[in-house]
Amino acid sequence: MSLQDDLTAVQRCIDDLVRSVGRLEQHAGSSLEIRRVRTDADHLRESVALLREATPALRAQKKPELVGIPDTPYDSALWTDSDDEGLGARDRRAP
C-alpha cells in the first residue's frame, strides 16, 4: 500500500471511531469519561489531518548521502592510547 492509501485507511478508522463514540455517548450519557474519549478521538482526527498535510514535505526530504567505509585496515597508531574494549587493561588478568 502507498502512504496515501495508509492515511486514507487510518482516516476511515478514525471516522468509524468518532461515530461509535457518538453512539456510545447517546446510550451512556455525557459523562466525564465519554467526553475524554470524544476529545481523544477528535485529537486523533486532527493529528491525521496534519500528517496528511505534511506528507508532501515528508516525501520531498532528501535522503542522506551514503558514506563509503573502506575495507582496508585502520592505522594502528590511532589506537595507542586506548584499551581493548571488552578485554580489560593489558597489564591485568580477568577473574
Protein backbone atom coordinates (compact mmCIF):
# COMPACT_ATOMS: atom_id res chain seq x y z
CA MET A 1 0.00 0.00 0.00
CA SER A 2 1.11 3.53 -0.63
CA LEU A 3 1.39 6.18 2.04
CA GLN A 4 -1.79 7.88 0.80
CA ASP A 5 -3.68 4.57 0.96
CA ASP A 6 -2.50 4.03 4.53
CA LEU A 7 -3.53 7.55 5.53
CA THR A 8 -6.95 7.04 3.95
CA ALA A 9 -7.40 3.75 5.82
CA VAL A 10 -6.43 5.40 9.11
CA GLN A 11 -8.83 8.28 8.40
CA ARG A 12 -11.68 5.82 7.80
CA CYS A 13 -10.94 4.01 11.06
CA ILE A 14 -10.89 7.27 13.00
CA ASP A 15 -14.18 8.33 11.39
CA ASP A 16 -15.68 4.99 12.49
CA LEU A 17 -14.31 5.57 15.98
CA VAL A 18 -15.86 9.04 16.17
CA ARG A 19 -19.23 7.67 15.04
CA SER A 20 -19.03 4.83 17.59
CA VAL A 21 -18.16 7.24 20.38
CA GLY A 22 -21.15 9.37 19.37
CA ARG A 23 -23.46 6.37 19.59
CA LEU A 24 -21.94 5.37 22.92
CA GLU A 25 -22.50 8.89 24.21
CA GLN A 26 -26.17 8.69 23.23
CA HIS A 27 -26.60 5.43 25.16
CA ALA A 28 -24.44 6.17 28.20
CA GLY A 29 -24.93 9.89 28.53
CA SER A 30 -22.35 12.62 28.59
CA SER A 31 -20.08 11.61 31.45
CA LEU A 32 -16.55 12.85 32.00
CA GLU A 33 -15.11 9.61 30.66
CA ILE A 34 -17.12 9.78 27.43
CA ARG A 35 -16.11 13.41 26.92
CA ARG A 36 -12.46 12.42 27.34
CA VAL A 37 -12.78 9.64 24.77
CA ARG A 38 -14.54 12.03 22.35
CA THR A 39 -11.79 14.61 22.85
CA ASP A 40 -9.09 12.00 22.25
CA ALA A 41 -10.81 10.84 19.07
CA ASP A 42 -11.03 14.44 17.86
CA HIS A 43 -7.31 14.90 18.58
CA LEU A 44 -6.56 11.78 16.54
CA ARG A 45 -8.59 13.18 13.67
CA GLU A 46 -6.66 16.47 13.82
CA SER A 47 -3.31 14.67 14.01
CA VAL A 48 -4.05 12.60 10.92
CA ALA A 49 -5.12 15.74 9.08
CA LEU A 50 -1.81 17.39 9.99
CA LEU A 51 0.07 14.29 8.90
CA ARG A 52 -1.77 14.29 5.58
CA GLU A 53 -0.75 17.93 5.03
CA ALA A 54 2.86 17.13 5.90
CA THR A 55 3.04 14.11 3.58
CA PRO A 56 4.37 16.02 0.54
CA ALA A 57 7.05 17.54 2.76
CA LEU A 58 7.99 14.07 4.04
CA ARG A 59 8.43 12.79 0.51
CA ALA A 60 10.44 15.84 -0.51
CA GLN A 61 13.02 15.33 2.21
CA LYS A 62 16.38 14.48 0.75
CA LYS A 63 17.74 11.06 1.57
CA PRO A 64 21.03 11.17 3.44
CA GLU A 65 24.15 10.74 1.39
CA LEU A 66 25.81 7.37 1.87
CA VAL A 67 29.40 7.39 3.02
CA GLY A 68 31.58 4.55 1.92
CA ILE A 69 33.74 2.79 4.51
CA PRO A 70 36.88 1.23 3.10
CA ASP A 71 37.80 -2.39 3.80
CA THR A 72 41.45 -1.54 4.38
CA PRO A 73 42.65 -1.75 7.99
CA TYR A 74 42.85 1.40 10.06
CA ASP A 75 46.19 2.87 11.06
CA SER A 76 47.12 1.18 14.36
CA ALA A 77 48.61 4.46 15.62
CA LEU A 78 45.05 5.68 16.10
CA TRP A 79 44.56 3.22 18.94
CA THR A 80 47.74 3.59 21.00
CA ASP A 81 46.09 5.49 23.86
CA SER A 82 43.11 3.18 24.38
CA ASP A 83 42.45 -0.19 25.96
CA ASP A 84 40.93 -3.04 24.03
CA GLU A 85 37.25 -2.65 24.75
CA GLY A 86 35.75 -5.66 26.43
CA LEU A 87 39.11 -7.26 27.10
CA GLY A 88 40.24 -5.09 30.01
CA ALA A 89 43.57 -3.41 30.55
CA ARG A 90 46.72 -5.02 29.12
CA ASP A 91 48.50 -5.48 32.45
CA ARG A 92 45.58 -7.11 34.33
CA ARG A 93 44.02 -10.57 34.24
CA ALA A 94 40.35 -11.39 34.12
CA PRO A 95 38.91 -13.09 37.22
